[in-house]
Amino acid sequence: MGEKMTKLKRATYSAAIKLETAQLVVDQSYTQEEAAKAMGVGKSTVSKWVTQLKQERNGQPPTASPMTPEQIEIRELKKQIQRIELEKDILKKATALLMSDSLNNSR
């Protein structure tokens, strides 16, 4: 009962590592097993990355974090658009509030 259960920490990999590993299989004819061994990751992980890369190249939106530079840029641009639209809405509301205040004060 006094034993502590330790949780295994899940490995995280950069988009560059994911892309490089998947490209070994898709572009350089490595087997998934060979790519997994070469990059020091699990075969099931490689399989997931290969599937994701193929989907991204076919124009399907990624279900996981994007790997290709284009998909990463698209994600960042979408975030930027959301931020700008939020700022625009805030400015519209502030302008309307200031205009109504100035109209009320001029009467």
PDB file of N, CA and C in Angstrom:
ATOM      1  N   MET A   1       0.803  -1.200   0.000  1.00  0.00           N
ATOM      2  CA  MET A   1       0.000   0.000   0.000  1.00  0.00           C
ATOM      3  C   MET A   1       0.845   1.262   0.000  1.00  0.00           C
ATOM      4  N   GLY A   2       2.062   1.169   0.535  1.00  0.00           N
ATOM      5  CA  GLY A   2       2.926   2.321   0.609  1.00  0.00           C
ATOM      6  C   GLY A   2       3.609   2.643  -0.715  1.00  0.00           C
ATOM      7  N   GLU A   3       3.397   1.808  -1.731  1.00  0.00           N
ATOM      8  CA  GLU A   3       4.043   2.034  -3.025  1.00  0.00           C
ATOM      9  C   GLU A   3       3.386   3.204  -3.747  1.00  0.00           C
ATOM     10  N   LYS A   4       4.218   4.021  -4.345  1.00  0.00           N
ATOM     11  CA  LYS A   4       3.698   5.131  -5.141  1.00  0.00           C
ATOM     12  C   LYS A   4       3.590   4.663  -6.584  1.00  0.00           C
ATOM     13  N   MET A   5       2.480   5.003  -7.183  1.00  0.00           N
ATOM     14  CA  MET A   5       2.333   4.679  -8.604  1.00  0.00           C
ATOM     15  C   MET A   5       2.899   5.849  -9.397  1.00  0.00           C
ATOM     16  N   THR A   6       3.846   5.554 -10.252  1.00  0.00           N
ATOM     17  CA  THR A   6       4.428   6.618 -11.062  1.00  0.00           C
ATOM     18  C   THR A   6       3.798   6.583 -12.440  1.00  0.00           C
ATOM     19  N   LYS A   7       3.466   7.760 -12.909  1.00  0.00           N
ATOM     20  CA  LYS A   7       2.869   7.891 -14.225  1.00  0.00           C
ATOM     21  C   LYS A   7       3.988   8.056 -15.247  1.00  0.00           C
ATOM     22  N   LEU A   8       3.923   7.292 -16.309  1.00  0.00           N
ATOM     23  CA  LEU A   8       4.912   7.452 -17.365  1.00  0.00           C
ATOM     24  C   LEU A   8       4.629   8.744 -18.102  1.00  0.00           C
ATOM     25  N   LYS A   9       5.679   9.497 -18.350  1.00  0.00           N
ATOM     26  CA  LYS A   9       5.519  10.752 -19.069  1.00  0.00           C
ATOM     27  C   LYS A   9       5.456  10.455 -20.565  1.00  0.00           C
ATOM     28  N   ARG A  10       4.458  10.984 -21.201  1.00  0.00           N
ATOM     29  CA  ARG A  10       4.271  10.775 -22.629  1.00  0.00           C
ATOM     30  C   ARG A  10       5.273  11.630 -23.400  1.00  0.00           C
ATOM     31  N   ALA A  11       5.942  11.010 -24.339  1.00  0.00           N
ATOM     32  CA  ALA A  11       6.931  11.735 -25.138  1.00  0.00           C
ATOM     33  C   ALA A  11       6.229  12.700 -26.078  1.00  0.00           C
ATOM     34  N   THR A  12       6.807  13.870 -26.228  1.00  0.00           N
ATOM     35  CA  THR A  12       6.278  14.830 -27.194  1.00  0.00           C
ATOM     36  C   THR A  12       7.365  15.103 -28.225  1.00  0.00           C
ATOM     37  N   TYR A  13       6.951  15.254 -29.456  1.00  0.00           N
ATOM     38  CA  TYR A  13       7.887  15.451 -30.552  1.00  0.00           C
ATOM     39  C   TYR A  13       7.534  16.728 -31.291  1.00  0.00           C
ATOM     40  N   SER A  14       8.543  17.410 -31.778  1.00  0.00           N
ATOM     41  CA  SER A  14       8.318  18.642 -32.527  1.00  0.00           C
ATOM     42  C   SER A  14       7.698  18.311 -33.884  1.00  0.00           C
ATOM     43  N   ALA A  15       7.094  19.332 -34.478  1.00  0.00           N
ATOM     44  CA  ALA A  15       6.502  19.158 -35.806  1.00  0.00           C
ATOM     45  C   ALA A  15       7.574  18.749 -36.812  1.00  0.00           C
ATOM     46  N   ALA A  16       8.789  19.260 -36.642  1.00  0.00           N
ATOM     47  CA  ALA A  16       9.881  18.932 -37.569  1.00  0.00           C
ATOM     48  C   ALA A  16      10.237  17.447 -37.507  1.00  0.00           C
ATOM     49  N   ILE A  17      10.275  16.882 -36.300  1.00  0.00           N
ATOM     50  CA  ILE A  17      10.586  15.452 -36.140  1.00  0.00           C
ATOM     51  C   ILE A  17       9.466  14.608 -36.747  1.00  0.00           C
ATOM     52  N   LYS A  18       8.228  14.996 -36.484  1.00  0.00           N
ATOM     53  CA  LYS A  18       7.083  14.255 -37.031  1.00  0.00           C
ATOM     54  C   LYS A  18       7.132  14.259 -38.555  1.00  0.00           C
ATOM     55  N   LEU A  19       7.373  15.442 -39.112  1.00  0.00           N
ATOM     56  CA  LEU A  19       7.408  15.580 -40.567  1.00  0.00           C
ATOM     57  C   LEU A  19       8.559  14.777 -41.162  1.00  0.00           C
ATOM     58  N   GLU A  20       9.737  14.901 -40.569  1.00  0.00           N
ATOM     59  CA  GLU A  20      10.912  14.176 -41.077  1.00  0.00           C
ATOM     60  C   GLU A  20      10.685  12.667 -41.049  1.00  0.00           C
ATOM     61  N   THR A  21      10.115  12.182 -39.957  1.00  0.00           N
ATOM     62  CA  THR A  21       9.863  10.746 -39.818  1.00  0.00           C
ATOM     63  C   THR A  21       8.851  10.271 -40.853  1.00  0.00           C
ATOM     64  N   ALA A  22       7.757  11.005 -40.999  1.00  0.00           N
ATOM     65  CA  ALA A  22       6.723  10.623 -41.965  1.00  0.00           C
ATOM     66  C   ALA A  22       7.258  10.681 -43.391  1.00  0.00           C
ATOM     67  N   GLN A  23       8.117  11.658 -43.669  1.00  0.00           N
ATOM     68  CA  GLN A  23       8.684  11.779 -45.015  1.00  0.00           C
ATOM     69  C   GLN A  23       9.606  10.612 -45.351  1.00  0.00           C
ATOM     70  N   LEU A  24      10.247  10.036 -44.351  1.00  0.00           N
ATOM     71  CA  LEU A  24      11.074   8.854 -44.608  1.00  0.00           C
ATOM     72  C   LEU A  24      10.232   7.754 -45.248  1.00  0.00           C
ATOM     73  N   VAL A  25       9.021   7.586 -44.752  1.00  0.00           N
ATOM     74  CA  VAL A  25       8.135   6.532 -45.260  1.00  0.00           C
ATOM     75  C   VAL A  25       7.505   6.953 -46.582  1.00  0.00           C
ATOM     76  N   VAL A  26       6.936   8.155 -46.605  1.00  0.00           N
ATOM     77  CA  VAL A  26       6.165   8.598 -47.773  1.00  0.00           C
ATOM     78  C   VAL A  26       7.060   8.926 -48.965  1.00  0.00           C
ATOM     79  N   ASP A  27       8.168   9.613 -48.722  1.00  0.00           N
ATOM     80  CA  ASP A  27       8.995  10.111 -49.824  1.00  0.00           C
ATOM     81  C   ASP A  27      10.244   9.274 -50.102  1.00  0.00           C
ATOM     82  N   GLN A  28      10.734   8.544 -49.089  1.00  0.00           N
ATOM     83  CA  GLN A  28      12.012   7.859 -49.264  1.00  0.00           C
ATOM     84  C   GLN A  28      11.897   6.340 -49.178  1.00  0.00           C
ATOM     85  N   SER A  29      10.696   5.827 -49.237  1.00  0.00           N
ATOM     86  CA  SER A  29      10.429   4.386 -49.314  1.00  0.00           C
ATOM     87  C   SER A  29      10.946   3.569 -48.133  1.00  0.00           C
ATOM     88  N   TYR A  30      11.080   4.195 -46.976  1.00  0.00           N
ATOM     89  CA  TYR A  30      11.383   3.421 -45.767  1.00  0.00           C
ATOM     90  C   TYR A  30      10.111   2.684 -45.362  1.00  0.00           C
ATOM     91  N   THR A  31      10.263   1.551 -44.703  1.00  0.00           N
ATOM     92  CA  THR A  31       9.087   0.939 -44.083  1.00  0.00           C
ATOM     93  C   THR A  31       8.832   1.713 -42.793  1.00  0.00           C
ATOM     94  N   GLN A  32       7.626   1.577 -42.266  1.00  0.00           N
ATOM     95  CA  GLN A  32       7.319   2.267 -41.014  1.00  0.00           C
ATOM     96  C   GLN A  32       8.229   1.774 -39.897  1.00  0.00           C
ATOM     97  N   GLU A  33       8.543   0.486 -39.931  1.00  0.00           N
ATOM     98  CA  GLU A  33       9.424  -0.094 -38.913  1.00  0.00           C
ATOM     99  C   GLU A  33      10.832   0.495 -39.011  1.00  0.00           C
ATOM    100  N   GLU A  34      11.347   0.629 -40.233  1.00  0.00           N
ATOM    101  CA  GLU A  34      12.682   1.204 -40.428  1.00  0.00           C
ATOM    102  C   GLU A  34      12.725   2.662 -39.966  1.00  0.00           C
ATOM    103  N   ALA A  35      11.694   3.408 -40.309  1.00  0.00           N
ATOM    104  CA  ALA A  35      11.640   4.820 -39.911  1.00  0.00           C
ATOM    105  C   ALA A  35      11.553   4.944 -38.394  1.00  0.00           C
ATOM    106  N   ALA A  36      10.749   4.083 -37.773  1.00  0.00           N
ATOM    107  CA  ALA A  36      10.606   4.108 -36.314  1.00  0.00           C
ATOM    108  C   ALA A  36      11.952   3.844 -35.644  1.00  0.00           C
ATOM    109  N   LYS A  37      12.664   2.864 -36.158  1.00  0.00           N
ATOM    110  CA  LYS A  37      13.970   2.506 -35.590  1.00  0.00           C
ATOM    111  C   LYS A  37      14.976   3.640 -35.805  1.00  0.00           C
ATOM    112  N   ALA A  38      14.986   4.202 -37.016  1.00  0.00           N
ATOM    113  CA  ALA A  38      15.935   5.269 -37.346  1.00  0.00           C
ATOM    114  C   ALA A  38      15.710   6.516 -36.497  1.00  0.00           C
ATOM    115  N   MET A  39      14.454   6.806 -36.182  1.00  0.00           N
ATOM    116  CA  MET A  39      14.134   8.031 -35.447  1.00  0.00           C
ATOM    117  C   MET A  39      13.925   7.799 -33.952  1.00  0.00           C
ATOM    118  N   GLY A  40      13.932   6.541 -33.534  1.00  0.00           N
ATOM    119  CA  GLY A  40      13.791   6.245 -32.112  1.00  0.00           C
ATOM    120  C   GLY A  40      12.394   6.470 -31.563  1.00  0.00           C
ATOM    121  N   VAL A  41      11.388   6.172 -32.378  1.00  0.00           N
ATOM    122  CA  VAL A  41       9.996   6.307 -31.933  1.00  0.00           C
ATOM    123  C   VAL A  41       9.267   4.991 -32.182  1.00  0.00           C
ATOM    124  N   GLY A  42       8.085   4.861 -31.631  1.00  0.00           N
ATOM    125  CA  GLY A  42       7.304   3.646 -31.805  1.00  0.00           C
ATOM    126  C   GLY A  42       6.703   3.530 -33.190  1.00  0.00           C
ATOM    127  N   LYS A  43       6.505   2.285 -33.630  1.00  0.00           N
ATOM    128  CA  LYS A  43       5.952   2.039 -34.963  1.00  0.00           C
ATOM    129  C   LYS A  43       4.537   2.596 -35.093  1.00  0.00           C
ATOM    130  N   SER A  44       3.724   2.471 -34.049  1.00  0.00           N
ATOM    131  CA  SER A  44       2.349   2.983 -34.128  1.00  0.00           C
ATOM    132  C   SER A  44       2.347   4.508 -34.230  1.00  0.00           C
ATOM    133  N   THR A  45       3.334   5.137 -33.609  1.00  0.00           N
ATOM    134  CA  THR A  45       3.463   6.594 -33.702  1.00  0.00           C
ATOM    135  C   THR A  45       3.794   6.993 -35.134  1.00  0.00           C
ATOM    136  N   VAL A  46       4.723   6.266 -35.746  1.00  0.00           N
ATOM    137  CA  VAL A  46       5.090   6.536 -37.139  1.00  0.00           C
ATOM    138  C   VAL A  46       3.877   6.359 -38.040  1.00  0.00           C
ATOM    139  N   SER A  47       3.117   5.313 -37.805  1.00  0.00           N
ATOM    140  CA  SER A  47       1.920   5.047 -38.604  1.00  0.00           C
ATOM    141  C   SER A  47       0.955   6.229 -38.547  1.00  0.00           C
ATOM    142  N   LYS A  48       0.764   6.762 -37.354  1.00  0.00           N
ATOM    143  CA  LYS A  48      -0.137   7.904 -37.171  1.00  0.00           C
ATOM    144  C   LYS A  48       0.385   9.125 -37.931  1.00  0.00           C
ATOM    145  N   TRP A  49       1.693   9.376 -37.846  1.00  0.00           N
ATOM    146  CA  TRP A  49       2.279  10.530 -38.517  1.00  0.00           C
ATOM    147  C   TRP A  49       2.213  10.394 -40.033  1.00  0.00           C
ATOM    148  N   VAL A  50       2.418   9.185 -40.541  1.00  0.00           N
ATOM    149  CA  VAL A  50       2.350   8.948 -41.990  1.00  0.00           C
ATOM    150  C   VAL A  50       0.930   9.215 -42.488  1.00  0.00           C
ATOM    151  N   THR A  51      -0.046   8.693 -41.769  1.00  0.00           N
ATOM    152  CA  THR A  51      -1.448   8.918 -42.141  1.00  0.00           C
ATOM    153  C   THR A  51      -1.757  10.404 -42.151  1.00  0.00           C
ATOM    154  N   GLN A  52      -1.306  11.105 -41.129  1.00  0.00           N
ATOM    155  CA  GLN A  52      -1.567  12.538 -41.032  1.00  0.00           C
ATOM    156  C   GLN A  52      -0.919  13.300 -42.183  1.00  0.00           C
ATOM    157  N   LEU A  53       0.329  12.966 -42.512  1.00  0.00           N
ATOM    158  CA  LEU A  53       1.024  13.646 -43.607  1.00  0.00           C
ATOM    159  C   LEU A  53       0.298  13.417 -44.930  1.00  0.00           C
ATOM    160  N   LYS A  54      -0.124  12.180 -45.175  1.00  0.00           N
ATOM    161  CA  LYS A  54      -0.850  11.879 -46.412  1.00  0.00           C
ATOM    162  C   LYS A  54      -2.151  12.671 -46.481  1.00  0.00           C
ATOM    163  N   GLN A  55      -2.864  12.771 -45.356  1.00  0.00           N
ATOM    164  CA  GLN A  55      -4.116  13.534 -45.329  1.00  0.00           C
ATOM    165  C   GLN A  55      -3.852  15.011 -45.614  1.00  0.00           C
ATOM    166  N   GLU A  56      -2.822  15.560 -44.985  1.00  0.00           N
ATOM    167  CA  GLU A  56      -2.504  16.973 -45.198  1.00  0.00           C
ATOM    168  C   GLU A  56      -2.139  17.234 -46.650  1.00  0.00           C
ATOM    169  N   ARG A  57      -1.390  16.322 -47.245  1.00  0.00           N
ATOM    170  CA  ARG A  57      -0.995  16.502 -48.644  1.00  0.00           C
ATOM    171  C   ARG A  57      -2.185  16.377 -49.587  1.00  0.00           C
ATOM    172  N   ASN A  58      -3.217  15.659 -49.160  1.00  0.00           N
ATOM    173  CA  ASN A  58      -4.431  15.536 -49.966  1.00  0.00           C
ATOM    174  C   ASN A  58      -5.414  16.666 -49.687  1.00  0.00           C
ATOM    175  N   GLY A  59      -5.009  17.631 -48.877  1.00  0.00           N
ATOM    176  CA  GLY A  59      -5.848  18.791 -48.609  1.00  0.00           C
ATOM    177  C   GLY A  59      -6.858  18.615 -47.497  1.00  0.00           C
ATOM    178  N   GLN A  60      -6.801  17.494 -46.792  1.00  0.00           N
ATOM    179  CA  GLN A  60      -7.727  17.283 -45.683  1.00  0.00           C
ATOM    180  C   GLN A  60      -7.183  17.989 -44.450  1.00  0.00           C
ATOM    181  N   PRO A  61      -8.053  18.656 -43.697  1.00  0.00           N
ATOM    182  CA  PRO A  61      -7.560  19.322 -42.488  1.00  0.00           C
ATOM    183  C   PRO A  61      -7.062  18.299 -41.477  1.00  0.00           C
ATOM    184  N   PRO A  62      -5.954  18.592 -40.812  1.00  0.00           N
ATOM    185  CA  PRO A  62      -5.403  17.638 -39.855  1.00  0.00           C
ATOM    186  C   PRO A  62      -6.273  17.510 -38.616  1.00  0.00           C
ATOM    187  N   THR A  63      -6.354  16.287 -38.087  1.00  0.00           N
ATOM    188  CA  THR A  63      -7.104  16.073 -36.853  1.00  0.00           C
ATOM    189  C   THR A  63      -6.200  16.302 -35.654  1.00  0.00           C
ATOM    190  N   ALA A  64      -4.912  16.139 -35.842  1.00  0.00           N
ATOM    191  CA  ALA A  64      -3.942  16.406 -34.772  1.00  0.00           C
ATOM    192  C   ALA A  64      -3.230  17.712 -35.107  1.00  0.00           C
ATOM    193  N   SER A  65      -2.206  18.034 -34.369  1.00  0.00           N
ATOM    194  CA  SER A  65      -1.432  19.240 -34.668  1.00  0.00           C
ATOM    195  C   SER A  65      -0.827  19.103 -36.058  1.00  0.00           C
ATOM    196  N   PRO A  66      -0.906  20.162 -36.856  1.00  0.00           N
ATOM    197  CA  PRO A  66      -0.392  20.086 -38.219  1.00  0.00           C
ATOM    198  C   PRO A  66       1.118  19.883 -38.248  1.00  0.00           C
ATOM    199  N   MET A  67       1.592  19.244 -39.333  1.00  0.00           N
ATOM    200  CA  MET A  67       3.017  18.962 -39.463  1.00  0.00           C
ATOM    201  C   MET A  67       3.679  19.789 -40.554  1.00  0.00           C
ATOM    202  N   THR A  68       3.008  19.951 -41.680  1.00  0.00           N
ATOM    203  CA  THR A  68       3.661  20.643 -42.783  1.00  0.00           C
ATOM    204  C   THR A  68       3.743  22.133 -42.471  1.00  0.00           C
ATOM    205  N   PRO A  69       4.776  22.787 -42.964  1.00  0.00           N
ATOM    206  CA  PRO A  69       4.909  24.230 -42.708  1.00  0.00           C
ATOM    207  C   PRO A  69       3.680  25.017 -43.164  1.00  0.00           C
ATOM    208  N   GLU A  70       3.071  24.586 -44.264  1.00  0.00           N
ATOM    209  CA  GLU A  70       1.886  25.276 -44.761  1.00  0.00           C
ATOM    210  C   GLU A  70       0.724  25.153 -43.779  1.00  0.00           C
ATOM    211  N   GLN A  71       0.522  23.955 -43.241  1.00  0.00           N
ATOM    212  CA  GLN A  71      -0.564  23.745 -42.281  1.00  0.00           C
ATOM    213  C   GLN A  71      -0.314  24.537 -40.999  1.00  0.00           C
ATOM    214  N   ILE A  72       0.933  24.597 -40.569  1.00  0.00           N
ATOM    215  CA  ILE A  72       1.274  25.370 -39.373  1.00  0.00           C
ATOM    216  C   ILE A  72       1.000  26.848 -39.625  1.00  0.00           C
ATOM    217  N   GLU A  73       1.373  27.332 -40.811  1.00  0.00           N
ATOM    218  CA  GLU A  73       1.133  28.736 -41.151  1.00  0.00           C
ATOM    219  C   GLU A  73      -0.362  29.028 -41.213  1.00  0.00           C
ATOM    220  N   ILE A  74      -1.130  28.125 -41.799  1.00  0.00           N
ATOM    221  CA  ILE A  74      -2.583  28.308 -41.868  1.00  0.00           C
ATOM    222  C   ILE A  74      -3.166  28.415 -40.469  1.00  0.00           C
ATOM    223  N   ARG A  75      -2.732  27.535 -39.567  1.00  0.00           N
ATOM    224  CA  ARG A  75      -3.237  27.562 -38.188  1.00  0.00           C
ATOM    225  C   ARG A  75      -2.912  28.900 -37.527  1.00  0.00           C
ATOM    226  N   GLU A  76      -1.683  29.378 -37.714  1.00  0.00           N
ATOM    227  CA  GLU A  76      -1.278  30.651 -37.112  1.00  0.00           C
ATOM    228  C   GLU A  76      -2.059  31.815 -37.714  1.00  0.00           C
ATOM    229  N   LEU A  77      -2.271  31.791 -39.016  1.00  0.00           N
ATOM    230  CA  LEU A  77      -3.026  32.865 -39.668  1.00  0.00           C
ATOM    231  C   LEU A  77      -4.484  32.886 -39.208  1.00  0.00           C
ATOM    232  N   LYS A  78      -5.070  31.712 -39.011  1.00  0.00           N
ATOM    233  CA  LYS A  78      -6.442  31.653 -38.508  1.00  0.00           C
ATOM    234  C   LYS A  78      -6.534  32.242 -37.106  1.00  0.00           C
ATOM    235  N   LYS A  79      -5.538  31.950 -36.268  1.00  0.00           N
ATOM    236  CA  LYS A  79      -5.510  32.530 -34.919  1.00  0.00           C
ATOM    237  C   LYS A  79      -5.410  34.047 -35.001  1.00  0.00           C
ATOM    238  N   GLN A  80      -4.572  34.529 -35.910  1.00  0.00           N
ATOM    239  CA  GLN A  80      -4.384  35.969 -36.074  1.00  0.00           C
ATOM    240  C   GLN A  80      -5.677  36.626 -36.551  1.00  0.00           C
ATOM    241  N   ILE A  81      -6.382  35.996 -37.473  1.00  0.00           N
ATOM    242  CA  ILE A  81      -7.657  36.529 -37.962  1.00  0.00           C
ATOM    243  C   ILE A  81      -8.662  36.629 -36.825  1.00  0.00           C
ATOM    244  N   GLN A  82      -8.758  35.588 -36.007  1.00  0.00           N
ATOM    245  CA  GLN A  82      -9.682  35.615 -34.869  1.00  0.00           C
ATOM    246  C   GLN A  82      -9.358  36.767 -33.931  1.00  0.00           C
ATOM    247  N   ARG A  83      -8.075  36.955 -33.647  1.00  0.00           N
ATOM    248  CA  ARG A  83      -7.651  38.022 -32.741  1.00  0.00           C
ATOM    249  C   ARG A  83      -8.012  39.391 -33.320  1.00  0.00           C
ATOM    250  N   ILE A  84      -7.763  39.585 -34.612  1.00  0.00           N
ATOM    251  CA  ILE A  84      -8.054  40.863 -35.265  1.00  0.00           C
ATOM    252  C   ILE A  84      -9.559  41.120 -35.293  1.00  0.00           C
ATOM    253  N   GLU A  85     -10.355  40.089 -35.577  1.00  0.00           N
ATOM    254  CA  GLU A  85     -11.808  40.261 -35.586  1.00  0.00           C
ATOM    255  C   GLU A  85     -12.330  40.624 -34.201  1.00  0.00           C
ATOM    256  N   LEU A  86     -11.763  40.029 -33.168  1.00  0.00           N
ATOM    257  CA  LEU A  86     -12.155  40.357 -31.802  1.00  0.00           C
ATOM    258  C   LEU A  86     -11.816  41.815 -31.490  1.00  0.00           C
ATOM    259  N   GLU A  87     -10.622  42.247 -31.871  1.00  0.00           N
ATOM    260  CA  GLU A  87     -10.222  43.640 -31.658  1.00  0.00           C
ATOM    261  C   GLU A  87     -11.148  44.588 -32.410  1.00  0.00           C
ATOM    262  N   LYS A  88     -11.515  44.231 -33.637  1.00  0.00           N
ATOM    263  CA  LYS A  88     -12.409  45.061 -34.446  1.00  0.00           C
ATOM    264  C   LYS A  88     -13.769  45.199 -33.768  1.00  0.00           C
ATOM    265  N   ASP A  89     -14.303  44.088 -33.251  1.00  0.00           N
ATOM    266  CA  ASP A  89     -15.592  44.119 -32.559  1.00  0.00           C
ATOM    267  C   ASP A  89     -15.528  45.000 -31.316  1.00  0.00           C
ATOM    268  N   ILE A  90     -14.431  44.899 -30.584  1.00  0.00           N
ATOM    269  CA  ILE A  90     -14.269  45.729 -29.384  1.00  0.00           C
ATOM    270  C   ILE A  90     -14.233  47.205 -29.770  1.00  0.00           C
ATOM    271  N   LEU A  91     -13.503  47.534 -30.825  1.00  0.00           N
ATOM    272  CA  LEU A  91     -13.424  48.927 -31.273  1.00  0.00           C
ATOM    273  C   LEU A  91     -14.779  49.446 -31.743  1.00  0.00           C
ATOM    274  N   LYS A  92     -15.550  48.615 -32.430  1.00  0.00           N
ATOM    275  CA  LYS A  92     -16.896  49.019 -32.868  1.00  0.00           C
ATOM    276  C   LYS A  92     -17.769  49.362 -31.671  1.00  0.00           C
ATOM    277  N   LYS A  93     -17.743  48.486 -30.663  1.00  0.00           N
ATOM    278  CA  LYS A  93     -18.561  48.702 -29.470  1.00  0.00           C
ATOM    279  C   LYS A  93     -18.105  49.947 -28.718  1.00  0.00           C
ATOM    280  N   ALA A  94     -16.799  50.138 -28.627  1.00  0.00           N
ATOM    281  CA  ALA A  94     -16.274  51.315 -27.929  1.00  0.00           C
ATOM    282  C   ALA A  94     -16.659  52.592 -28.670  1.00  0.00           C
ATOM    283  N   THR A  95     -16.575  52.568 -29.989  1.00  0.00           N
ATOM    284  CA  THR A  95     -16.948  53.729 -30.789  1.00  0.00           C
ATOM    285  C   THR A  95     -18.427  54.042 -30.614  1.00  0.00           C
ATOM    286  N   ALA A  96     -19.265  53.021 -30.663  1.00  0.00           N
ATOM    287  CA  ALA A  96     -20.706  53.223 -30.487  1.00  0.00           C
ATOM    288  C   ALA A  96     -20.996  53.794 -29.106  1.00  0.00           C
ATOM    289  N   LEU A  97     -20.322  53.307 -28.101  1.00  0.00           N
ATOM    290  CA  LEU A  97     -20.516  53.788 -26.734  1.00  0.00           C
ATOM    291  C   LEU A  97     -20.080  55.247 -26.608  1.00  0.00           C
ATOM    292  N   LEU A  98     -18.939  55.582 -27.179  1.00  0.00           N
ATOM    293  CA  LEU A  98     -18.454  56.963 -27.129  1.00  0.00           C
ATOM    294  C   LEU A  98     -19.371  57.905 -27.899  1.00  0.00           C
ATOM    295  N   MET A  99     -19.874  57.450 -29.031  1.00  0.00           N
ATOM    296  CA  MET A  99     -20.789  58.276 -29.830  1.00  0.00           C
ATOM    297  C   MET A  99     -22.085  58.530 -29.069  1.00  0.00           C
ATOM    298  N   SER A 100     -22.616  57.502 -28.428  1.00  0.00           N
ATOM    299  CA  SER A 100     -23.870  57.682 -27.682  1.00  0.00           C
ATOM    300  C   SER A 100     -23.643  58.594 -26.480  1.00  0.00           C
ATOM    301  N   ASP A 101     -22.482  58.508 -25.849  1.00  0.00           N
ATOM    302  CA  ASP A 101     -22.155  59.400 -24.732  1.00  0.00           C
ATOM    303  C   ASP A 101     -22.071  60.847 -25.198  1.00  0.00           C
ATOM    304  N   SER A 102     -21.417  61.071 -26.329  1.00  0.00           N
ATOM    305  CA  SER A 102     -21.273  62.445 -26.813  1.00  0.00           C
ATOM    306  C   SER A 102     -22.614  63.011 -27.263  1.00  0.00           C
ATOM    307  N   LEU A 103     -23.495  62.186 -27.802  1.00  0.00           N
ATOM    308  CA  LEU A 103     -24.835  62.649 -28.180  1.00  0.00           C
ATOM    309  C   LEU A 103     -25.644  63.013 -26.943  1.00  0.00           C
ATOM    310  N   ASN A 104     -25.561  62.197 -25.916  1.00  0.00           N
ATOM    311  CA  ASN A 104     -26.294  62.460 -24.679  1.00  0.00           C
ATOM    312  C   ASN A 104     -25.772  63.709 -23.979  1.00  0.00           C
ATOM    313  N   ASN A 105     -24.490  63.964 -24.033  1.00  0.00           N
ATOM    314  CA  ASN A 105     -23.895  65.122 -23.369  1.00  0.00           C
ATOM    315  C   ASN A 105     -24.150  66.410 -24.136  1.00  0.00           C
ATOM    316  N   SER A 106     -24.393  66.331 -25.435  1.00  0.00           N
ATOM    317  CA  SER A 106     -24.608  67.543 -26.231  1.00  0.00           C
ATOM    318  C   SER A 106     -26.054  68.018 -26.173  1.00  0.00           C
ATOM    319  N   ARG A 107     -26.938  67.264 -25.563  1.00  0.00           N
ATOM    320  CA  ARG A 107     -28.354  67.664 -25.493  1.00  0.00           C
ATOM    321  C   ARG A 107     -28.632  68.541 -24.336  1.00  0.00           C
TER     322      ARG A 107
END
